[in-house]
Amino acid sequence: MGGRGASYGGRSGRAPRGYRTVGKAHGIPIIKSSDPKGKILPTTAKPNSQYLGKTQYGTVKQLRVYDKNGNVKKDIDWGHPFDKHPKEAVHCHKWQNGEREKAHSPLSKSDIVKYKNAIEKATGRKDFIWEWK
C-alpha cells in the first residue's frame, strides 16, 4: 500500500481506485470511472463517504452514500421514470446485504436538506421534484 495506487483506506479524500475526482458540489466529490465502460460509482469506498457519479457522457446521474464499513448504504437517483411518479422525482434506493433494492422511496427531509444543493449544483438543474408521496 501507499503511493498513488493505494486502496481507498489510505487515500486521504481521493476518489476510490479506478475513479478520478473531476469536481466537487457543496463538498461532495464528483467522480468518474477511469474506464469509459466502467460503473458510474463503485460499490465500496472510504467509510462514511459520499460521491456524485459522472457518466462517460458528462452528466451527473447519481449520488451514492457509504456506511461505516465503506459499503453502499443508499443511492439517490433522478431523471428516470418509475411507477406512477414524475420522471424528474428525486428518489432513494436502499441497499441490503450488498444488493440494491428495486423499491423507490422519497428522500427524507434531512436528506433533502443535506443533498439538494449539491445535486442541483452538480447537474446544473433546479427543476427536480424533491417531495412526493
N, C-alpha and C. Protein backbone atom coordinates (compact mmCIF):
# COMPACT_ATOMS: atom_id res chain seq x y z
N MET A 1 0.84 -1.17 0.00
CA MET A 1 0.00 0.00 0.00
C MET A 1 0.88 1.23 0.00
N GLY A 2 0.26 2.36 -0.27
CA GLY A 2 0.98 3.61 -0.32
C GLY A 2 1.10 4.10 -1.74
N GLY A 3 1.53 5.32 -1.88
CA GLY A 3 1.68 5.89 -3.21
C GLY A 3 0.35 6.10 -3.91
N ARG A 4 0.39 6.35 -5.19
CA ARG A 4 -0.81 6.66 -5.95
C ARG A 4 -1.72 5.45 -6.13
N GLY A 5 -1.24 4.26 -5.94
CA GLY A 5 -2.06 3.07 -6.14
C GLY A 5 -2.69 2.53 -4.86
N ALA A 6 -2.66 3.30 -3.79
CA ALA A 6 -3.18 2.81 -2.51
C ALA A 6 -4.68 2.58 -2.57
N SER A 7 -5.15 1.70 -1.69
CA SER A 7 -6.59 1.47 -1.61
C SER A 7 -7.26 2.69 -1.00
N TYR A 8 -8.60 2.71 -1.03
CA TYR A 8 -9.32 3.89 -0.56
C TYR A 8 -9.00 4.21 0.89
N GLY A 9 -8.63 3.24 1.69
CA GLY A 9 -8.38 3.47 3.11
C GLY A 9 -7.26 4.46 3.38
N GLY A 10 -6.27 4.54 2.50
CA GLY A 10 -5.15 5.44 2.75
C GLY A 10 -5.07 6.58 1.77
N ARG A 11 -6.15 6.87 1.10
CA ARG A 11 -6.09 7.84 0.01
C ARG A 11 -6.47 9.25 0.41
N SER A 12 -6.77 9.48 1.67
CA SER A 12 -6.99 10.83 2.18
C SER A 12 -7.93 11.68 1.33
N GLY A 13 -9.17 11.23 1.17
CA GLY A 13 -10.17 12.03 0.49
C GLY A 13 -10.18 11.91 -1.02
N ARG A 14 -9.29 11.12 -1.57
CA ARG A 14 -9.25 10.97 -3.03
C ARG A 14 -10.30 9.98 -3.48
N ALA A 15 -10.53 9.97 -4.78
CA ALA A 15 -11.52 9.05 -5.36
C ALA A 15 -11.08 7.60 -5.15
N PRO A 16 -12.05 6.67 -5.07
CA PRO A 16 -11.70 5.25 -4.95
C PRO A 16 -10.89 4.78 -6.15
N ARG A 17 -10.17 3.70 -5.98
CA ARG A 17 -9.35 3.12 -7.05
C ARG A 17 -10.21 2.90 -8.30
N GLY A 18 -9.68 3.29 -9.45
CA GLY A 18 -10.38 3.12 -10.72
C GLY A 18 -11.25 4.32 -11.08
N TYR A 19 -11.25 5.34 -10.22
CA TYR A 19 -12.05 6.54 -10.44
C TYR A 19 -11.16 7.76 -10.26
N ARG A 20 -11.61 8.88 -10.81
CA ARG A 20 -10.87 10.12 -10.59
C ARG A 20 -11.85 11.22 -10.23
N THR A 21 -11.40 12.13 -9.40
CA THR A 21 -12.24 13.25 -8.99
C THR A 21 -12.21 14.29 -10.11
N VAL A 22 -13.41 14.72 -10.53
CA VAL A 22 -13.50 15.70 -11.62
C VAL A 22 -14.14 17.01 -11.17
N GLY A 23 -14.48 17.09 -9.89
CA GLY A 23 -15.07 18.32 -9.36
C GLY A 23 -15.64 18.07 -7.98
N LYS A 24 -16.31 19.09 -7.45
CA LYS A 24 -16.99 19.00 -6.16
C LYS A 24 -18.25 19.84 -6.25
N ALA A 25 -19.27 19.40 -5.52
CA ALA A 25 -20.51 20.16 -5.42
C ALA A 25 -20.90 20.21 -3.95
N HIS A 26 -20.80 21.39 -3.36
CA HIS A 26 -21.10 21.58 -1.94
C HIS A 26 -20.38 20.55 -1.07
N GLY A 27 -19.10 20.35 -1.37
CA GLY A 27 -18.25 19.48 -0.56
C GLY A 27 -18.31 18.00 -0.92
N ILE A 28 -19.20 17.61 -1.83
CA ILE A 28 -19.30 16.21 -2.24
C ILE A 28 -18.50 16.02 -3.53
N PRO A 29 -17.51 15.12 -3.51
CA PRO A 29 -16.71 14.90 -4.72
C PRO A 29 -17.55 14.34 -5.86
N ILE A 30 -17.27 14.83 -7.05
CA ILE A 30 -17.86 14.29 -8.28
C ILE A 30 -16.78 13.43 -8.90
N ILE A 31 -17.08 12.14 -9.10
CA ILE A 31 -16.07 11.23 -9.62
C ILE A 31 -16.54 10.59 -10.92
N LYS A 32 -15.55 10.12 -11.67
CA LYS A 32 -15.82 9.48 -12.96
C LYS A 32 -14.92 8.27 -13.07
N SER A 33 -15.46 7.19 -13.61
CA SER A 33 -14.67 5.97 -13.79
C SER A 33 -13.53 6.23 -14.76
N SER A 34 -12.36 5.67 -14.47
CA SER A 34 -11.22 5.77 -15.39
C SER A 34 -11.45 4.91 -16.63
N ASP A 35 -12.35 3.94 -16.52
CA ASP A 35 -12.71 3.06 -17.63
C ASP A 35 -13.98 3.59 -18.27
N PRO A 36 -13.97 3.97 -19.56
CA PRO A 36 -15.16 4.52 -20.20
C PRO A 36 -16.40 3.62 -20.09
N LYS A 37 -16.18 2.32 -19.93
CA LYS A 37 -17.31 1.40 -19.81
C LYS A 37 -17.54 0.97 -18.36
N GLY A 38 -16.85 1.63 -17.43
CA GLY A 38 -16.96 1.28 -16.02
C GLY A 38 -18.27 1.75 -15.40
N LYS A 39 -18.55 1.26 -14.21
CA LYS A 39 -19.76 1.65 -13.47
C LYS A 39 -19.67 3.13 -13.09
N ILE A 40 -20.83 3.75 -12.97
CA ILE A 40 -20.85 5.17 -12.60
C ILE A 40 -20.20 5.38 -11.24
N LEU A 41 -20.53 4.52 -10.27
CA LEU A 41 -19.97 4.63 -8.93
C LEU A 41 -19.57 3.25 -8.40
N PRO A 42 -18.53 3.20 -7.57
CA PRO A 42 -18.09 1.92 -7.01
C PRO A 42 -19.02 1.41 -5.91
N THR A 43 -18.97 0.11 -5.65
CA THR A 43 -19.80 -0.47 -4.59
C THR A 43 -19.10 -0.43 -3.22
N THR A 44 -17.82 -0.13 -3.19
CA THR A 44 -17.12 0.09 -1.93
C THR A 44 -16.29 1.36 -2.05
N ALA A 45 -16.13 2.04 -0.93
CA ALA A 45 -15.38 3.30 -0.91
C ALA A 45 -14.93 3.57 0.52
N LYS A 46 -14.34 4.71 0.73
CA LYS A 46 -13.92 5.11 2.07
C LYS A 46 -15.14 5.11 2.99
N PRO A 47 -15.01 4.56 4.21
CA PRO A 47 -16.14 4.55 5.14
C PRO A 47 -16.76 5.94 5.34
N ASN A 48 -18.09 5.96 5.43
CA ASN A 48 -18.87 7.18 5.67
C ASN A 48 -18.66 8.26 4.61
N SER A 49 -18.36 7.85 3.40
CA SER A 49 -18.16 8.82 2.32
C SER A 49 -19.42 8.92 1.47
N GLN A 50 -19.39 9.85 0.54
CA GLN A 50 -20.47 10.04 -0.42
C GLN A 50 -19.85 10.61 -1.69
N TYR A 51 -20.36 10.17 -2.83
CA TYR A 51 -19.84 10.62 -4.12
C TYR A 51 -20.98 10.84 -5.10
N LEU A 52 -20.81 11.83 -5.94
CA LEU A 52 -21.68 12.03 -7.10
C LEU A 52 -20.99 11.38 -8.29
N GLY A 53 -21.72 10.64 -9.09
CA GLY A 53 -21.13 9.92 -10.21
C GLY A 53 -21.42 10.57 -11.54
N LYS A 54 -20.38 10.73 -12.34
CA LYS A 54 -20.49 11.32 -13.67
C LYS A 54 -20.34 10.22 -14.71
N THR A 55 -21.20 10.23 -15.72
CA THR A 55 -21.15 9.23 -16.77
C THR A 55 -20.08 9.56 -17.80
N GLN A 56 -19.85 8.62 -18.70
CA GLN A 56 -18.89 8.86 -19.78
C GLN A 56 -19.37 9.97 -20.71
N TYR A 57 -20.66 10.30 -20.66
CA TYR A 57 -21.23 11.35 -21.50
C TYR A 57 -21.21 12.72 -20.82
N GLY A 58 -20.71 12.77 -19.59
CA GLY A 58 -20.53 14.03 -18.91
C GLY A 58 -21.67 14.50 -18.03
N THR A 59 -22.68 13.66 -17.81
CA THR A 59 -23.78 14.06 -16.94
C THR A 59 -23.66 13.39 -15.58
N VAL A 60 -24.01 14.12 -14.54
CA VAL A 60 -24.01 13.57 -13.19
C VAL A 60 -25.35 12.86 -13.02
N LYS A 61 -25.31 11.56 -12.71
CA LYS A 61 -26.51 10.73 -12.71
C LYS A 61 -26.92 10.16 -11.35
N GLN A 62 -26.04 10.20 -10.36
CA GLN A 62 -26.37 9.51 -9.12
C GLN A 62 -25.50 10.02 -7.98
N LEU A 63 -26.06 9.94 -6.77
CA LEU A 63 -25.30 10.20 -5.56
C LEU A 63 -25.34 8.91 -4.74
N ARG A 64 -24.18 8.45 -4.33
CA ARG A 64 -24.11 7.21 -3.56
C ARG A 64 -23.53 7.51 -2.19
N VAL A 65 -24.15 6.94 -1.16
CA VAL A 65 -23.75 7.14 0.24
C VAL A 65 -23.26 5.80 0.78
N TYR A 66 -22.12 5.82 1.48
CA TYR A 66 -21.49 4.61 2.01
C TYR A 66 -21.58 4.58 3.53
N ASP A 67 -21.63 3.38 4.08
CA ASP A 67 -21.76 3.20 5.53
C ASP A 67 -20.40 3.21 6.23
N LYS A 68 -20.41 2.92 7.52
CA LYS A 68 -19.19 2.96 8.33
C LYS A 68 -18.16 1.92 7.91
N ASN A 69 -18.57 0.91 7.14
CA ASN A 69 -17.65 -0.12 6.64
C ASN A 69 -17.22 0.13 5.19
N GLY A 70 -17.72 1.20 4.58
CA GLY A 70 -17.37 1.51 3.20
C GLY A 70 -18.22 0.80 2.16
N ASN A 71 -19.32 0.18 2.61
CA ASN A 71 -20.25 -0.47 1.69
C ASN A 71 -21.37 0.49 1.34
N VAL A 72 -22.01 0.27 0.19
CA VAL A 72 -23.10 1.16 -0.21
C VAL A 72 -24.24 1.07 0.80
N LYS A 73 -24.70 2.24 1.22
CA LYS A 73 -25.83 2.33 2.14
C LYS A 73 -27.10 2.67 1.36
N LYS A 74 -26.98 3.66 0.44
CA LYS A 74 -28.12 4.05 -0.38
C LYS A 74 -27.66 4.80 -1.62
N ASP A 75 -28.52 4.75 -2.64
CA ASP A 75 -28.34 5.53 -3.85
C ASP A 75 -29.44 6.57 -3.91
N ILE A 76 -29.09 7.76 -4.35
CA ILE A 76 -30.08 8.79 -4.61
C ILE A 76 -30.03 9.03 -6.11
N ASP A 77 -31.19 8.80 -6.76
CA ASP A 77 -31.29 8.87 -8.22
C ASP A 77 -32.30 9.93 -8.64
N TRP A 78 -32.26 10.26 -9.93
CA TRP A 78 -33.21 11.21 -10.53
C TRP A 78 -33.20 10.99 -12.03
N GLY A 79 -34.20 11.53 -12.69
CA GLY A 79 -34.20 11.57 -14.15
C GLY A 79 -34.63 10.32 -14.87
N HIS A 80 -35.26 9.37 -14.18
CA HIS A 80 -35.82 8.23 -14.90
C HIS A 80 -37.19 7.90 -14.31
N PRO A 81 -38.11 7.44 -15.14
CA PRO A 81 -39.47 7.17 -14.65
C PRO A 81 -39.54 5.90 -13.80
N PHE A 82 -40.49 5.87 -12.91
CA PHE A 82 -40.74 4.68 -12.10
C PHE A 82 -42.16 4.75 -11.60
N ASP A 83 -42.79 3.60 -11.49
CA ASP A 83 -44.17 3.51 -11.02
C ASP A 83 -45.02 4.58 -11.70
N LYS A 84 -45.73 5.34 -10.90
CA LYS A 84 -46.57 6.41 -11.45
C LYS A 84 -46.04 7.78 -11.04
N HIS A 85 -44.78 7.85 -10.66
CA HIS A 85 -44.21 9.11 -10.19
C HIS A 85 -43.61 9.89 -11.35
N PRO A 86 -43.52 11.20 -11.18
CA PRO A 86 -42.98 12.05 -12.25
C PRO A 86 -41.56 11.65 -12.63
N LYS A 87 -41.26 11.85 -13.86
CA LYS A 87 -39.96 11.46 -14.40
C LYS A 87 -38.79 12.11 -13.65
N GLU A 88 -38.95 13.30 -13.20
CA GLU A 88 -37.85 14.02 -12.57
C GLU A 88 -37.89 14.02 -11.05
N ALA A 89 -38.55 13.05 -10.45
CA ALA A 89 -38.60 12.97 -8.99
C ALA A 89 -37.30 12.38 -8.46
N VAL A 90 -36.71 13.04 -7.50
CA VAL A 90 -35.51 12.53 -6.84
C VAL A 90 -35.97 11.45 -5.87
N HIS A 91 -35.29 10.32 -5.86
CA HIS A 91 -35.72 9.20 -5.04
C HIS A 91 -34.53 8.40 -4.53
N CYS A 92 -34.81 7.51 -3.60
CA CYS A 92 -33.77 6.75 -2.91
C CYS A 92 -33.97 5.25 -3.13
N HIS A 93 -32.86 4.54 -3.26
CA HIS A 93 -32.84 3.08 -3.26
C HIS A 93 -31.92 2.67 -2.11
N LYS A 94 -32.42 1.91 -1.17
CA LYS A 94 -31.58 1.42 -0.08
C LYS A 94 -30.89 0.13 -0.52
N TRP A 95 -29.78 -0.16 0.12
CA TRP A 95 -29.02 -1.38 -0.14
C TRP A 95 -29.10 -2.28 1.09
N GLN A 96 -29.30 -3.57 0.88
CA GLN A 96 -29.32 -4.56 1.95
C GLN A 96 -28.43 -5.73 1.54
N ASN A 97 -27.48 -6.08 2.37
CA ASN A 97 -26.60 -7.23 2.12
C ASN A 97 -25.95 -7.19 0.74
N GLY A 98 -25.49 -6.02 0.35
CA GLY A 98 -24.78 -5.87 -0.92
C GLY A 98 -25.67 -5.83 -2.15
N GLU A 99 -26.97 -5.77 -1.97
CA GLU A 99 -27.91 -5.73 -3.08
C GLU A 99 -28.75 -4.47 -3.03
N ARG A 100 -28.93 -3.85 -4.18
CA ARG A 100 -29.76 -2.66 -4.28
C ARG A 100 -31.24 -3.07 -4.35
N GLU A 101 -32.03 -2.45 -3.49
CA GLU A 101 -33.47 -2.72 -3.52
C GLU A 101 -34.09 -2.07 -4.74
N LYS A 102 -35.05 -2.75 -5.35
CA LYS A 102 -35.73 -2.21 -6.52
C LYS A 102 -36.73 -1.11 -6.14
N ALA A 103 -37.26 -1.18 -4.92
CA ALA A 103 -38.26 -0.21 -4.47
C ALA A 103 -37.67 1.20 -4.41
N HIS A 104 -38.49 2.16 -4.82
CA HIS A 104 -38.13 3.57 -4.76
C HIS A 104 -38.80 4.17 -3.54
N SER A 105 -38.14 5.10 -2.90
CA SER A 105 -38.77 5.81 -1.80
C SER A 105 -38.38 7.28 -1.87
N PRO A 106 -39.25 8.15 -1.34
CA PRO A 106 -38.90 9.58 -1.31
C PRO A 106 -37.72 9.80 -0.37
N LEU A 107 -37.02 10.88 -0.58
CA LEU A 107 -35.93 11.24 0.33
C LEU A 107 -36.54 11.75 1.64
N SER A 108 -35.84 11.52 2.72
CA SER A 108 -36.26 12.08 3.99
C SER A 108 -36.02 13.59 3.95
N LYS A 109 -36.68 14.30 4.84
CA LYS A 109 -36.48 15.76 4.91
C LYS A 109 -35.01 16.08 5.15
N SER A 110 -34.35 15.29 6.02
CA SER A 110 -32.94 15.57 6.32
C SER A 110 -32.05 15.31 5.09
N ASP A 111 -32.38 14.29 4.29
CA ASP A 111 -31.60 14.04 3.07
C ASP A 111 -31.80 15.15 2.05
N ILE A 112 -33.03 15.68 1.96
CA ILE A 112 -33.27 16.80 1.05
C ILE A 112 -32.41 17.99 1.46
N VAL A 113 -32.42 18.31 2.74
CA VAL A 113 -31.61 19.43 3.24
C VAL A 113 -30.13 19.17 2.97
N LYS A 114 -29.70 17.94 3.20
CA LYS A 114 -28.28 17.59 3.09
C LYS A 114 -27.78 17.56 1.64
N TYR A 115 -28.62 17.08 0.69
CA TYR A 115 -28.12 16.81 -0.66
C TYR A 115 -28.69 17.67 -1.79
N LYS A 116 -29.76 18.40 -1.54
CA LYS A 116 -30.41 19.16 -2.62
C LYS A 116 -29.46 20.13 -3.32
N ASN A 117 -28.77 20.96 -2.57
CA ASN A 117 -27.88 21.95 -3.18
C ASN A 117 -26.76 21.30 -3.98
N ALA A 118 -26.21 20.22 -3.46
CA ALA A 118 -25.12 19.53 -4.16
C ALA A 118 -25.61 18.94 -5.49
N ILE A 119 -26.78 18.29 -5.47
CA ILE A 119 -27.31 17.69 -6.69
C ILE A 119 -27.67 18.76 -7.71
N GLU A 120 -28.30 19.83 -7.27
CA GLU A 120 -28.65 20.91 -8.19
C GLU A 120 -27.41 21.55 -8.79
N LYS A 121 -26.38 21.75 -7.98
CA LYS A 121 -25.15 22.35 -8.49
C LYS A 121 -24.45 21.40 -9.47
N ALA A 122 -24.36 20.12 -9.12
CA ALA A 122 -23.66 19.15 -9.96
C ALA A 122 -24.36 18.93 -11.30
N THR A 123 -25.69 18.99 -11.30
CA THR A 123 -26.44 18.74 -12.53
C THR A 123 -26.75 20.02 -13.30
N GLY A 124 -26.65 21.16 -12.62
CA GLY A 124 -27.00 22.43 -13.25
C GLY A 124 -28.50 22.60 -13.41
N ARG A 125 -29.28 21.85 -12.63
CA ARG A 125 -30.74 21.87 -12.76
C ARG A 125 -31.39 22.21 -11.42
N LYS A 126 -32.49 22.95 -11.51
CA LYS A 126 -33.26 23.29 -10.31
C LYS A 126 -34.73 22.89 -10.48
N ASP A 127 -35.03 22.02 -11.44
CA ASP A 127 -36.41 21.66 -11.72
C ASP A 127 -36.81 20.26 -11.23
N PHE A 128 -36.01 19.67 -10.37
CA PHE A 128 -36.35 18.34 -9.84
C PHE A 128 -37.52 18.43 -8.86
N ILE A 129 -38.24 17.33 -8.72
CA ILE A 129 -39.29 17.22 -7.73
C ILE A 129 -38.67 16.54 -6.51
N TRP A 130 -38.67 17.24 -5.38
CA TRP A 130 -37.98 16.75 -4.19
C TRP A 130 -38.90 16.07 -3.20
N GLU A 131 -40.17 16.44 -3.19
CA GLU A 131 -41.10 15.82 -2.25
C GLU A 131 -42.27 15.23 -3.03
N TRP A 132 -42.61 14.00 -2.70
CA TRP A 132 -43.71 13.31 -3.37
C TRP A 132 -44.19 12.18 -2.48
N LYS A 133 -45.34 11.63 -2.79
CA LYS A 133 -45.90 10.53 -1.99
C LYS A 133 -46.16 9.34 -2.88
